[in-house]
Amino acid sequence: MKQRKYVEQYERMERWFKIYEKINDGILVSPSVTFESVITSEIYRDYVFFFFQNCYHLKDWIIYDFNNKAVTKKVESFVNDNFCMSLCADLCNSIKHLSLKKSRSKRNPEFTAIPDYTEVKEGKKSFIYIQWFVKANGEYIDAFQIATECMKKWAEFINAL
């Protein structure tokens, strides 16, 4: 049986999650950035954004891969009915369009970093560790917890397809 094309996007999402996990653990490893490089908060932010964009866009890959109205409805309901996924959708769309016109989560989420950075030592190298949060209607939610929950929900959804 031929493998579905959405699997490519799922695997891409998994790779970005692993990078985000290393950022969250204070260990940034990237093919384009070394510990000798100056690592700025913008790079961390970009990597976090990349995860959420790839996570949300898996929805479109599934829809176009199946090309079936029932699957489309199921995927859209999945995103709307799961808090972490609706936050992911809003975050992704606000990154893509600069501002959010229509919110799925009804929480107006935005990314924010903790104001104090923690210096983490890696052998003789050091870099800035930044923890990202999602501010949603005044509440701060750990962005990595949202990412972890999204990964879990996608795995459950795909196993049920």
C-alpha atoms as a PDB file:
ATOM      1  CA  MET A   1       0.000   0.000   0.000  1.00  0.00           C
ATOM      2  CA  LYS A   2       1.319   3.415  -0.967  1.00  0.00           C
ATOM      3  CA  GLN A   3       2.156   5.724   1.937  1.00  0.00           C
ATOM      4  CA  ARG A   4      -0.018   8.828   2.270  1.00  0.00           C
ATOM      5  CA  LYS A   5       1.669  12.132   1.417  1.00  0.00           C
ATOM      6  CA  TYR A   6       0.613  13.818   4.684  1.00  0.00           C
ATOM      7  CA  VAL A   7       3.111  11.523   6.455  1.00  0.00           C
ATOM      8  CA  GLU A   8       5.888  13.725   5.035  1.00  0.00           C
ATOM      9  CA  GLN A   9       4.418  16.751   6.841  1.00  0.00           C
ATOM     10  CA  TYR A  10       3.861  14.725  10.014  1.00  0.00           C
ATOM     11  CA  GLU A  11       7.524  13.707  10.016  1.00  0.00           C
ATOM     12  CA  ARG A  12       8.559  17.338   9.376  1.00  0.00           C
ATOM     13  CA  MET A  13       6.475  18.388  12.368  1.00  0.00           C
ATOM     14  CA  GLU A  14       8.183  15.702  14.464  1.00  0.00           C
ATOM     15  CA  ARG A  15      11.638  16.981  13.451  1.00  0.00           C
ATOM     16  CA  TRP A  16      10.728  20.564  14.435  1.00  0.00           C
ATOM     17  CA  PHE A  17       9.300  19.281  17.707  1.00  0.00           C
ATOM     18  CA  LYS A  18      12.622  17.567  18.489  1.00  0.00           C
ATOM     19  CA  ILE A  19      14.467  20.830  17.836  1.00  0.00           C
ATOM     20  CA  TYR A  20      11.992  22.695  20.027  1.00  0.00           C
ATOM     21  CA  GLU A  21      12.437  20.046  22.726  1.00  0.00           C
ATOM     22  CA  LYS A  22      16.188  20.682  22.716  1.00  0.00           C
ATOM     23  CA  ILE A  23      15.579  24.418  22.959  1.00  0.00           C
ATOM     24  CA  ASN A  24      13.211  23.788  25.860  1.00  0.00           C
ATOM     25  CA  ASP A  25      15.820  21.599  27.555  1.00  0.00           C
ATOM     26  CA  GLY A  26      18.488  24.289  27.055  1.00  0.00           C
ATOM     27  CA  ILE A  27      20.371  22.401  24.351  1.00  0.00           C
ATOM     28  CA  LEU A  28      20.075  24.004  20.941  1.00  0.00           C
ATOM     29  CA  VAL A  29      21.397  21.848  18.133  1.00  0.00           C
ATOM     30  CA  SER A  30      20.932  22.975  14.564  1.00  0.00           C
ATOM     31  CA  PRO A  31      22.630  22.303  11.253  1.00  0.00           C
ATOM     32  CA  SER A  32      22.882  26.060  10.635  1.00  0.00           C
ATOM     33  CA  VAL A  33      23.758  27.300  14.121  1.00  0.00           C
ATOM     34  CA  THR A  34      26.706  26.137  16.214  1.00  0.00           C
ATOM     35  CA  PHE A  35      27.545  26.878  19.822  1.00  0.00           C
ATOM     36  CA  GLU A  36      30.344  29.086  18.508  1.00  0.00           C
ATOM     37  CA  SER A  37      27.744  31.244  16.734  1.00  0.00           C
ATOM     38  CA  VAL A  38      25.934  34.093  18.355  1.00  0.00           C
ATOM     39  CA  ILE A  39      22.559  32.631  19.228  1.00  0.00           C
ATOM     40  CA  THR A  40      19.905  35.282  19.562  1.00  0.00           C
ATOM     41  CA  SER A  41      16.382  35.213  20.861  1.00  0.00           C
ATOM     42  CA  GLU A  42      15.182  35.719  17.274  1.00  0.00           C
ATOM     43  CA  ILE A  43      16.578  32.328  16.271  1.00  0.00           C
ATOM     44  CA  TYR A  44      14.857  30.647  19.200  1.00  0.00           C
ATOM     45  CA  ARG A  45      11.622  32.403  18.312  1.00  0.00           C
ATOM     46  CA  ASP A  46      11.926  31.315  14.673  1.00  0.00           C
ATOM     47  CA  TYR A  47      12.406  27.684  15.678  1.00  0.00           C
ATOM     48  CA  VAL A  48       9.366  27.817  17.961  1.00  0.00           C
ATOM     49  CA  PHE A  49       7.360  29.431  15.143  1.00  0.00           C
ATOM     50  CA  PHE A  50       8.516  26.735  12.710  1.00  0.00           C
ATOM     51  CA  PHE A  51       7.162  24.017  14.977  1.00  0.00           C
ATOM     52  CA  PHE A  52       3.725  25.619  15.348  1.00  0.00           C
ATOM     53  CA  GLN A  53       3.475  26.392  11.631  1.00  0.00           C
ATOM     54  CA  ASN A  54       4.325  22.834  10.653  1.00  0.00           C
ATOM     55  CA  CYS A  55       2.025  21.462  13.328  1.00  0.00           C
ATOM     56  CA  TYR A  56      -0.980  23.427  12.121  1.00  0.00           C
ATOM     57  CA  HIS A  57      -0.261  22.907   8.415  1.00  0.00           C
ATOM     58  CA  LEU A  58      -0.476  19.147   8.871  1.00  0.00           C
ATOM     59  CA  LYS A  59      -4.230  19.786   8.788  1.00  0.00           C
ATOM     60  CA  ASP A  60      -4.028  21.004   5.178  1.00  0.00           C
ATOM     61  CA  TRP A  61      -1.803  18.125   4.113  1.00  0.00           C
ATOM     62  CA  ILE A  62      -4.333  15.614   5.456  1.00  0.00           C
ATOM     63  CA  ILE A  63      -7.236  17.446   3.804  1.00  0.00           C
ATOM     64  CA  TYR A  64      -5.550  17.620   0.404  1.00  0.00           C
ATOM     65  CA  ASP A  65      -4.127  14.110   0.617  1.00  0.00           C
ATOM     66  CA  PHE A  66      -7.520  12.498   1.273  1.00  0.00           C
ATOM     67  CA  ASN A  67      -9.532  14.970  -0.844  1.00  0.00           C
ATOM     68  CA  ASN A  68     -12.684  13.844   0.927  1.00  0.00           C
ATOM     69  CA  LYS A  69     -15.383  16.057   2.494  1.00  0.00           C
ATOM     70  CA  ALA A  70     -15.863  13.721   5.458  1.00  0.00           C
ATOM     71  CA  VAL A  71     -12.129  13.809   6.280  1.00  0.00           C
ATOM     72  CA  THR A  72     -12.079  17.602   5.838  1.00  0.00           C
ATOM     73  CA  LYS A  73     -14.942  17.964   8.312  1.00  0.00           C
ATOM     74  CA  LYS A  74     -13.261  15.566  10.735  1.00  0.00           C
ATOM     75  CA  VAL A  75      -9.935  17.470  10.603  1.00  0.00           C
ATOM     76  CA  GLU A  76     -11.583  20.876  11.012  1.00  0.00           C
ATOM     77  CA  SER A  77     -13.590  19.595  13.998  1.00  0.00           C
ATOM     78  CA  PHE A  78     -10.420  18.123  15.472  1.00  0.00           C
ATOM     79  CA  VAL A  79      -8.660  21.504  15.324  1.00  0.00           C
ATOM     80  CA  ASN A  80     -11.657  23.434  16.643  1.00  0.00           C
ATOM     81  CA  ASP A  81     -12.536  20.963  19.417  1.00  0.00           C
ATOM     82  CA  ASN A  82      -9.034  20.611  20.926  1.00  0.00           C
ATOM     83  CA  PHE A  83      -7.834  23.594  22.917  1.00  0.00           C
ATOM     84  CA  CYS A  84      -4.147  23.049  22.102  1.00  0.00           C
ATOM     85  CA  MET A  85      -4.897  22.700  18.392  1.00  0.00           C
ATOM     86  CA  SER A  86      -7.113  25.792  18.281  1.00  0.00           C
ATOM     87  CA  LEU A  87      -4.330  27.756  20.008  1.00  0.00           C
ATOM     88  CA  CYS A  88      -1.864  26.340  17.489  1.00  0.00           C
ATOM     89  CA  ALA A  89      -4.123  27.439  14.627  1.00  0.00           C
ATOM     90  CA  ASP A  90      -4.434  30.953  16.026  1.00  0.00           C
ATOM     91  CA  LEU A  91      -0.700  31.251  16.663  1.00  0.00           C
ATOM     92  CA  CYS A  92       0.127  30.023  13.176  1.00  0.00           C
ATOM     93  CA  ASN A  93      -2.362  32.348  11.499  1.00  0.00           C
ATOM     94  CA  SER A  94      -1.201  35.348  13.528  1.00  0.00           C
ATOM     95  CA  ILE A  95       2.409  34.620  12.488  1.00  0.00           C
ATOM     96  CA  LYS A  96       1.401  34.243   8.852  1.00  0.00           C
ATOM     97  CA  HIS A  97      -0.881  37.292   8.644  1.00  0.00           C
ATOM     98  CA  LEU A  98       0.706  39.593  11.273  1.00  0.00           C
ATOM     99  CA  SER A  99      -2.579  39.761  13.141  1.00  0.00           C
ATOM    100  CA  LEU A 100      -5.455  37.421  13.801  1.00  0.00           C
ATOM    101  CA  LYS A 101      -8.787  38.295  12.180  1.00  0.00           C
ATOM    102  CA  LYS A 102     -10.757  35.228  13.267  1.00  0.00           C
ATOM    103  CA  SER A 103      -9.830  33.226  16.349  1.00  0.00           C
ATOM    104  CA  ARG A 104     -10.543  29.504  16.669  1.00  0.00           C
ATOM    105  CA  SER A 105      -9.604  29.455  20.365  1.00  0.00           C
ATOM    106  CA  LYS A 106     -11.418  32.709  21.264  1.00  0.00           C
ATOM    107  CA  ARG A 107      -8.360  33.502  23.444  1.00  0.00           C
ATOM    108  CA  ASN A 108      -6.355  35.942  21.239  1.00  0.00           C
ATOM    109  CA  PRO A 109      -3.048  34.133  21.850  1.00  0.00           C
ATOM    110  CA  GLU A 110       0.382  35.634  21.259  1.00  0.00           C
ATOM    111  CA  PHE A 111       3.924  34.447  21.912  1.00  0.00           C
ATOM    112  CA  THR A 112       5.985  35.947  24.692  1.00  0.00           C
ATOM    113  CA  ALA A 113       9.293  35.007  26.323  1.00  0.00           C
ATOM    114  CA  ILE A 114      10.154  35.103  30.000  1.00  0.00           C
ATOM    115  CA  PRO A 115      11.826  38.453  30.702  1.00  0.00           C
ATOM    116  CA  ASP A 116      14.865  36.989  32.501  1.00  0.00           C
ATOM    117  CA  TYR A 117      17.114  34.744  30.478  1.00  0.00           C
ATOM    118  CA  THR A 118      18.988  31.921  32.124  1.00  0.00           C
ATOM    119  CA  GLU A 119      22.540  31.220  31.049  1.00  0.00           C
ATOM    120  CA  VAL A 120      23.154  27.533  30.471  1.00  0.00           C
ATOM    121  CA  LYS A 121      26.677  26.074  30.346  1.00  0.00           C
ATOM    122  CA  GLU A 122      27.489  23.466  27.727  1.00  0.00           C
ATOM    123  CA  GLY A 123      31.071  22.399  28.354  1.00  0.00           C
ATOM    124  CA  LYS A 124      33.029  25.606  27.842  1.00  0.00           C
ATOM    125  CA  LYS A 125      30.342  27.079  25.618  1.00  0.00           C
ATOM    126  CA  SER A 126      27.396  29.027  26.900  1.00  0.00           C
ATOM    127  CA  PHE A 127      24.236  30.351  25.347  1.00  0.00           C
ATOM    128  CA  ILE A 128      21.009  32.008  26.335  1.00  0.00           C
ATOM    129  CA  TYR A 129      18.094  29.768  27.322  1.00  0.00           C
ATOM    130  CA  ILE A 130      14.704  31.283  26.626  1.00  0.00           C
ATOM    131  CA  GLN A 131      11.410  29.787  27.663  1.00  0.00           C
ATOM    132  CA  TRP A 132       8.468  30.708  25.471  1.00  0.00           C
ATOM    133  CA  PHE A 133       4.922  31.206  26.650  1.00  0.00           C
ATOM    134  CA  VAL A 134       1.612  31.832  24.970  1.00  0.00           C
ATOM    135  CA  LYS A 135      -0.301  34.729  26.457  1.00  0.00           C
ATOM    136  CA  ALA A 136      -4.006  33.991  25.997  1.00  0.00           C
ATOM    137  CA  ASN A 137      -6.548  36.404  27.486  1.00  0.00           C
ATOM    138  CA  GLY A 138      -4.031  37.406  30.161  1.00  0.00           C
ATOM    139  CA  GLU A 139      -3.107  33.821  31.110  1.00  0.00           C
ATOM    140  CA  TYR A 140       0.447  32.561  30.450  1.00  0.00           C
ATOM    141  CA  ILE A 141       0.700  29.000  29.160  1.00  0.00           C
ATOM    142  CA  ASP A 142       4.023  27.242  28.569  1.00  0.00           C
ATOM    143  CA  ALA A 143       4.346  27.044  24.767  1.00  0.00           C
ATOM    144  CA  PHE A 144       6.262  23.756  24.976  1.00  0.00           C
ATOM    145  CA  GLN A 145       3.383  22.182  26.915  1.00  0.00           C
ATOM    146  CA  ILE A 146       1.050  23.275  24.129  1.00  0.00           C
ATOM    147  CA  ALA A 147       3.433  21.808  21.539  1.00  0.00           C
ATOM    148  CA  THR A 148       3.653  18.523  23.467  1.00  0.00           C
ATOM    149  CA  GLU A 149      -0.127  18.294  23.725  1.00  0.00           C
ATOM    150  CA  CYS A 150      -0.472  19.023  19.985  1.00  0.00           C
ATOM    151  CA  MET A 151       1.928  16.166  19.185  1.00  0.00           C
ATOM    152  CA  LYS A 152      -0.109  13.818  21.382  1.00  0.00           C
ATOM    153  CA  LYS A 153      -3.415  14.905  19.827  1.00  0.00           C
ATOM    154  CA  TRP A 154      -2.114  14.533  16.257  1.00  0.00           C
ATOM    155  CA  ALA A 155      -0.858  11.019  17.008  1.00  0.00           C
ATOM    156  CA  GLU A 156      -4.270  10.070  18.415  1.00  0.00           C
ATOM    157  CA  PHE A 157      -6.092  11.624  15.460  1.00  0.00           C
ATOM    158  CA  ILE A 158      -3.929   9.906  12.858  1.00  0.00           C
ATOM    159  CA  ASN A 159      -4.192   6.541  14.600  1.00  0.00           C
ATOM    160  CA  ALA A 160      -7.984   6.904  14.411  1.00  0.00           C
ATOM    161  CA  LEU A 161      -8.021   7.777  10.667  1.00  0.00           C
END
